[in-house]
Amino acid sequence: MIGRLIETAGHCLGAKLPAPMAAPETPEQRGRRWRLIGLLGAMAVVTWMAPTMIEVSRFGTALLWLSLALTTLLQSTTWLTTKLRADAAWLDARLEDQHCEISEP
């Protein structure tokens, strides 16, 4: 009974969302995503360790954090721009394909 209910709900959801929500991830895009995750992790560690690092070098800590922040900003902008372009191109290709039926809501 519950299995049939879940299966019916899955079919209903599949009918409403006939296509994936995003383009397949390329190896380059995956690398950008992992670099962004690593940079955010590094910023978290530097922020967490800042009180200890400031005792060693206040200027060095600030310079390290600012360089990580700038690199993260550039990496996230690059990742988001390429992701949005790939998703738009993928969706346009799907809409032009006569065999795929994607309806407007």
N, C-alpha and C. Protein backbone atom coordinates (compact mmCIF):
# COMPACT_ATOMS: atom_id res chain seq x y z
N MET A 1 0.81 -1.19 0.00
CA MET A 1 0.00 0.00 0.00
C MET A 1 0.86 1.26 0.00
N ILE A 2 1.81 1.34 0.95
CA ILE A 2 2.68 2.51 1.03
C ILE A 2 3.60 2.56 -0.19
N GLY A 3 4.08 1.39 -0.62
CA GLY A 3 4.94 1.34 -1.80
C GLY A 3 4.23 1.86 -3.04
N ARG A 4 2.97 1.49 -3.19
CA ARG A 4 2.19 1.95 -4.34
C ARG A 4 1.96 3.47 -4.25
N LEU A 5 1.73 3.97 -3.04
CA LEU A 5 1.53 5.40 -2.84
C LEU A 5 2.80 6.18 -3.20
N ILE A 6 3.95 5.68 -2.78
CA ILE A 6 5.22 6.33 -3.11
C ILE A 6 5.48 6.26 -4.61
N GLU A 7 5.18 5.13 -5.22
CA GLU A 7 5.36 4.99 -6.67
C GLU A 7 4.46 5.95 -7.43
N THR A 8 3.21 6.09 -7.01
CA THR A 8 2.28 7.02 -7.65
C THR A 8 2.76 8.46 -7.49
N ALA A 9 3.23 8.80 -6.30
CA ALA A 9 3.75 10.15 -6.07
C ALA A 9 4.98 10.40 -6.94
N GLY A 10 5.82 9.39 -7.11
CA GLY A 10 7.00 9.54 -7.98
C GLY A 10 6.62 9.77 -9.43
N HIS A 11 5.59 9.06 -9.90
CA HIS A 11 5.13 9.25 -11.28
C HIS A 11 4.52 10.64 -11.46
N CYS A 12 3.77 11.10 -10.47
CA CYS A 12 3.18 12.44 -10.56
C CYS A 12 4.27 13.51 -10.58
N LEU A 13 5.27 13.34 -9.74
CA LEU A 13 6.37 14.30 -9.73
C LEU A 13 7.15 14.24 -11.03
N GLY A 14 7.36 13.05 -11.56
CA GLY A 14 8.05 12.90 -12.83
C GLY A 14 7.29 13.54 -13.98
N ALA A 15 5.98 13.52 -13.91
CA ALA A 15 5.17 14.14 -14.96
C ALA A 15 5.27 15.67 -14.88
N LYS A 16 5.41 16.20 -13.68
CA LYS A 16 5.53 17.65 -13.52
C LYS A 16 6.94 18.15 -13.83
N LEU A 17 7.94 17.32 -13.59
CA LEU A 17 9.34 17.67 -13.87
C LEU A 17 9.90 16.66 -14.86
N PRO A 18 9.60 16.81 -16.15
CA PRO A 18 10.02 15.80 -17.12
C PRO A 18 11.51 15.82 -17.44
N ALA A 19 12.21 16.88 -17.08
CA ALA A 19 13.62 16.99 -17.41
C ALA A 19 14.41 17.32 -16.15
N PRO A 20 15.70 16.95 -16.10
CA PRO A 20 16.52 17.33 -14.95
C PRO A 20 16.57 18.85 -14.80
N MET A 21 16.87 19.29 -13.61
CA MET A 21 16.86 20.71 -13.31
C MET A 21 18.13 21.43 -13.79
N ALA A 22 19.16 20.72 -14.18
CA ALA A 22 20.40 21.37 -14.57
C ALA A 22 21.13 20.51 -15.59
N ALA A 23 22.06 21.16 -16.29
CA ALA A 23 22.88 20.46 -17.27
C ALA A 23 23.82 19.49 -16.54
N PRO A 24 24.23 18.42 -17.22
CA PRO A 24 25.20 17.51 -16.60
C PRO A 24 26.51 18.25 -16.29
N GLU A 25 27.12 17.88 -15.18
CA GLU A 25 28.34 18.56 -14.74
C GLU A 25 29.55 18.03 -15.51
N THR A 26 30.32 18.93 -16.09
CA THR A 26 31.53 18.55 -16.80
C THR A 26 32.68 18.41 -15.80
N PRO A 27 33.77 17.75 -16.19
CA PRO A 27 34.92 17.64 -15.27
C PRO A 27 35.49 19.02 -14.89
N GLU A 28 35.49 19.97 -15.83
CA GLU A 28 35.99 21.31 -15.52
C GLU A 28 35.11 21.99 -14.48
N GLN A 29 33.79 21.84 -14.66
CA GLN A 29 32.86 22.46 -13.73
C GLN A 29 32.95 21.79 -12.35
N ARG A 30 33.15 20.49 -12.33
CA ARG A 30 33.32 19.79 -11.06
C ARG A 30 34.57 20.28 -10.35
N GLY A 31 35.64 20.50 -11.10
CA GLY A 31 36.87 21.03 -10.51
C GLY A 31 36.67 22.42 -9.92
N ARG A 32 35.93 23.26 -10.65
CA ARG A 32 35.63 24.59 -10.11
C ARG A 32 34.83 24.50 -8.80
N ARG A 33 33.86 23.59 -8.78
CA ARG A 33 33.03 23.43 -7.58
C ARG A 33 33.87 22.95 -6.40
N TRP A 34 34.75 21.98 -6.64
CA TRP A 34 35.59 21.49 -5.55
C TRP A 34 36.58 22.53 -5.07
N ARG A 35 37.13 23.35 -6.00
CA ARG A 35 38.01 24.44 -5.58
C ARG A 35 37.26 25.45 -4.72
N LEU A 36 36.03 25.75 -5.10
CA LEU A 36 35.22 26.69 -4.31
C LEU A 36 34.96 26.13 -2.91
N ILE A 37 34.63 24.85 -2.83
CA ILE A 37 34.41 24.23 -1.52
C ILE A 37 35.69 24.27 -0.68
N GLY A 38 36.83 23.99 -1.31
CA GLY A 38 38.11 24.04 -0.60
C GLY A 38 38.46 25.44 -0.12
N LEU A 39 38.21 26.44 -0.96
CA LEU A 39 38.48 27.82 -0.56
C LEU A 39 37.59 28.25 0.60
N LEU A 40 36.32 27.87 0.55
CA LEU A 40 35.43 28.21 1.66
C LEU A 40 35.86 27.51 2.94
N GLY A 41 36.33 26.28 2.83
CA GLY A 41 36.86 25.57 4.00
C GLY A 41 38.11 26.24 4.55
N ALA A 42 39.00 26.67 3.65
CA ALA A 42 40.21 27.36 4.09
C ALA A 42 39.88 28.67 4.78
N MET A 43 38.89 29.40 4.23
CA MET A 43 38.47 30.65 4.89
C MET A 43 37.90 30.37 6.28
N ALA A 44 37.15 29.27 6.40
CA ALA A 44 36.59 28.92 7.71
C ALA A 44 37.70 28.60 8.71
N VAL A 45 38.71 27.87 8.26
CA VAL A 45 39.82 27.52 9.16
C VAL A 45 40.60 28.76 9.56
N VAL A 46 40.89 29.65 8.61
CA VAL A 46 41.63 30.87 8.93
C VAL A 46 40.81 31.75 9.88
N THR A 47 39.51 31.83 9.66
CA THR A 47 38.66 32.62 10.54
C THR A 47 38.64 32.02 11.95
N TRP A 48 38.56 30.70 12.02
CA TRP A 48 38.54 30.01 13.31
C TRP A 48 39.87 30.17 14.05
N MET A 49 40.97 30.13 13.30
CA MET A 49 42.30 30.22 13.90
C MET A 49 42.81 31.66 14.02
N ALA A 50 42.02 32.64 13.61
CA ALA A 50 42.48 34.03 13.58
C ALA A 50 43.01 34.53 14.92
N PRO A 51 42.33 34.27 16.04
CA PRO A 51 42.89 34.78 17.30
C PRO A 51 44.31 34.28 17.58
N THR A 52 44.59 33.03 17.27
CA THR A 52 45.93 32.49 17.47
C THR A 52 46.91 33.04 16.44
N MET A 53 46.45 33.15 15.19
CA MET A 53 47.33 33.63 14.12
C MET A 53 47.66 35.11 14.29
N ILE A 54 46.75 35.89 14.88
CA ILE A 54 46.99 37.32 15.08
C ILE A 54 48.15 37.53 16.05
N GLU A 55 48.30 36.63 17.01
CA GLU A 55 49.41 36.74 17.95
C GLU A 55 50.75 36.62 17.24
N VAL A 56 50.79 35.86 16.16
CA VAL A 56 52.03 35.69 15.40
C VAL A 56 52.24 36.88 14.47
N SER A 57 51.22 37.19 13.67
CA SER A 57 51.34 38.28 12.72
C SER A 57 49.96 38.81 12.37
N ARG A 58 49.67 40.01 12.84
CA ARG A 58 48.37 40.62 12.55
C ARG A 58 48.25 40.92 11.05
N PHE A 59 49.29 41.49 10.45
CA PHE A 59 49.27 41.83 9.03
C PHE A 59 49.20 40.57 8.16
N GLY A 60 49.97 39.55 8.52
CA GLY A 60 49.96 38.31 7.76
C GLY A 60 48.61 37.62 7.80
N THR A 61 47.96 37.64 8.96
CA THR A 61 46.63 37.03 9.08
C THR A 61 45.62 37.78 8.22
N ALA A 62 45.67 39.11 8.29
CA ALA A 62 44.74 39.91 7.49
C ALA A 62 44.99 39.70 6.00
N LEU A 63 46.26 39.67 5.61
CA LEU A 63 46.60 39.47 4.21
C LEU A 63 46.16 38.09 3.73
N LEU A 64 46.36 37.07 4.54
CA LEU A 64 45.94 35.71 4.18
C LEU A 64 44.43 35.64 4.02
N TRP A 65 43.69 36.20 4.99
CA TRP A 65 42.23 36.15 4.93
C TRP A 65 41.71 36.94 3.73
N LEU A 66 42.27 38.12 3.48
CA LEU A 66 41.81 38.91 2.34
C LEU A 66 42.13 38.25 1.01
N SER A 67 43.28 37.61 0.91
CA SER A 67 43.61 36.92 -0.34
C SER A 67 42.68 35.72 -0.55
N LEU A 68 42.36 35.00 0.51
CA LEU A 68 41.40 33.91 0.39
C LEU A 68 40.01 34.43 0.02
N ALA A 69 39.62 35.55 0.59
CA ALA A 69 38.31 36.12 0.28
C ALA A 69 38.24 36.56 -1.18
N LEU A 70 39.28 37.19 -1.68
CA LEU A 70 39.30 37.62 -3.08
C LEU A 70 39.31 36.42 -4.02
N THR A 71 40.11 35.42 -3.72
CA THR A 71 40.16 34.22 -4.56
C THR A 71 38.82 33.50 -4.55
N THR A 72 38.19 33.43 -3.39
CA THR A 72 36.87 32.80 -3.29
C THR A 72 35.85 33.57 -4.10
N LEU A 73 35.89 34.89 -4.04
CA LEU A 73 34.97 35.71 -4.82
C LEU A 73 35.15 35.47 -6.32
N LEU A 74 36.39 35.44 -6.78
CA LEU A 74 36.65 35.20 -8.20
C LEU A 74 36.24 33.79 -8.62
N GLN A 75 36.55 32.80 -7.78
CA GLN A 75 36.22 31.42 -8.11
C GLN A 75 34.71 31.21 -8.12
N SER A 76 34.00 31.78 -7.16
CA SER A 76 32.55 31.61 -7.12
C SER A 76 31.88 32.31 -8.29
N THR A 77 32.40 33.46 -8.69
CA THR A 77 31.85 34.16 -9.85
C THR A 77 32.07 33.35 -11.13
N THR A 78 33.26 32.79 -11.29
CA THR A 78 33.56 31.97 -12.45
C THR A 78 32.68 30.72 -12.47
N TRP A 79 32.56 30.05 -11.33
CA TRP A 79 31.76 28.84 -11.25
C TRP A 79 30.29 29.13 -11.57
N LEU A 80 29.75 30.19 -10.96
CA LEU A 80 28.34 30.50 -11.16
C LEU A 80 28.06 30.92 -12.60
N THR A 81 28.95 31.71 -13.19
CA THR A 81 28.76 32.15 -14.57
C THR A 81 28.76 30.97 -15.53
N THR A 82 29.74 30.09 -15.41
CA THR A 82 29.80 28.94 -16.32
C THR A 82 28.64 27.98 -16.08
N LYS A 83 28.21 27.84 -14.83
CA LYS A 83 27.07 26.97 -14.54
C LYS A 83 25.79 27.52 -15.16
N LEU A 84 25.55 28.80 -15.01
CA LEU A 84 24.33 29.39 -15.57
C LEU A 84 24.34 29.32 -17.09
N ARG A 85 25.49 29.55 -17.71
CA ARG A 85 25.57 29.45 -19.18
C ARG A 85 25.35 28.02 -19.65
N ALA A 86 25.93 27.05 -18.96
CA ALA A 86 25.75 25.65 -19.35
C ALA A 86 24.29 25.23 -19.17
N ASP A 87 23.67 25.65 -18.08
CA ASP A 87 22.26 25.31 -17.86
C ASP A 87 21.37 25.93 -18.92
N ALA A 88 21.64 27.19 -19.28
CA ALA A 88 20.82 27.86 -20.30
C ALA A 88 20.99 27.19 -21.66
N ALA A 89 22.23 26.85 -22.02
CA ALA A 89 22.48 26.18 -23.31
C ALA A 89 21.83 24.80 -23.32
N TRP A 90 21.91 24.08 -22.23
CA TRP A 90 21.31 22.75 -22.15
C TRP A 90 19.80 22.83 -22.27
N LEU A 91 19.19 23.79 -21.58
CA LEU A 91 17.74 23.93 -21.65
C LEU A 91 17.30 24.37 -23.05
N ASP A 92 18.04 25.28 -23.69
CA ASP A 92 17.71 25.69 -25.06
C ASP A 92 17.78 24.51 -26.01
N ALA A 93 18.80 23.66 -25.86
CA ALA A 93 18.92 22.49 -26.72
C ALA A 93 17.77 21.53 -26.48
N ARG A 94 17.34 21.38 -25.24
CA ARG A 94 16.21 20.50 -24.93
C ARG A 94 14.90 21.06 -25.51
N LEU A 95 14.73 22.36 -25.47
CA LEU A 95 13.51 22.97 -25.99
C LEU A 95 13.44 22.88 -27.51
N GLU A 96 14.60 22.92 -28.19
CA GLU A 96 14.63 22.82 -29.64
C GLU A 96 14.44 21.39 -30.13
N ASP A 97 14.73 20.42 -29.27
CA ASP A 97 14.57 19.01 -29.65
C ASP A 97 13.07 18.67 -29.72
N GLN A 98 12.64 18.18 -30.86
CA GLN A 98 11.22 17.89 -31.06
C GLN A 98 10.75 16.67 -30.27
N HIS A 99 11.67 15.81 -29.87
CA HIS A 99 11.30 14.59 -29.17
C HIS A 99 11.08 14.82 -27.68
N CYS A 100 11.57 15.93 -27.17
CA CYS A 100 11.41 16.22 -25.75
C CYS A 100 10.23 17.17 -25.59
N GLU A 101 9.36 16.83 -24.68
CA GLU A 101 8.20 17.67 -24.44
C GLU A 101 8.35 18.32 -23.08
N ILE A 102 8.74 19.57 -23.08
CA ILE A 102 8.84 20.34 -21.84
C ILE A 102 7.79 21.43 -21.96
N SER A 103 6.82 21.39 -21.09
CA SER A 103 5.73 22.36 -21.18
C SER A 103 5.98 23.53 -20.23
N GLU A 104 5.43 24.67 -20.60
CA GLU A 104 5.52 25.84 -19.75
C GLU A 104 4.54 25.67 -18.60
N PRO A 105 4.89 26.15 -17.41
CA PRO A 105 3.96 26.01 -16.27
C PRO A 105 2.77 26.93 -16.41
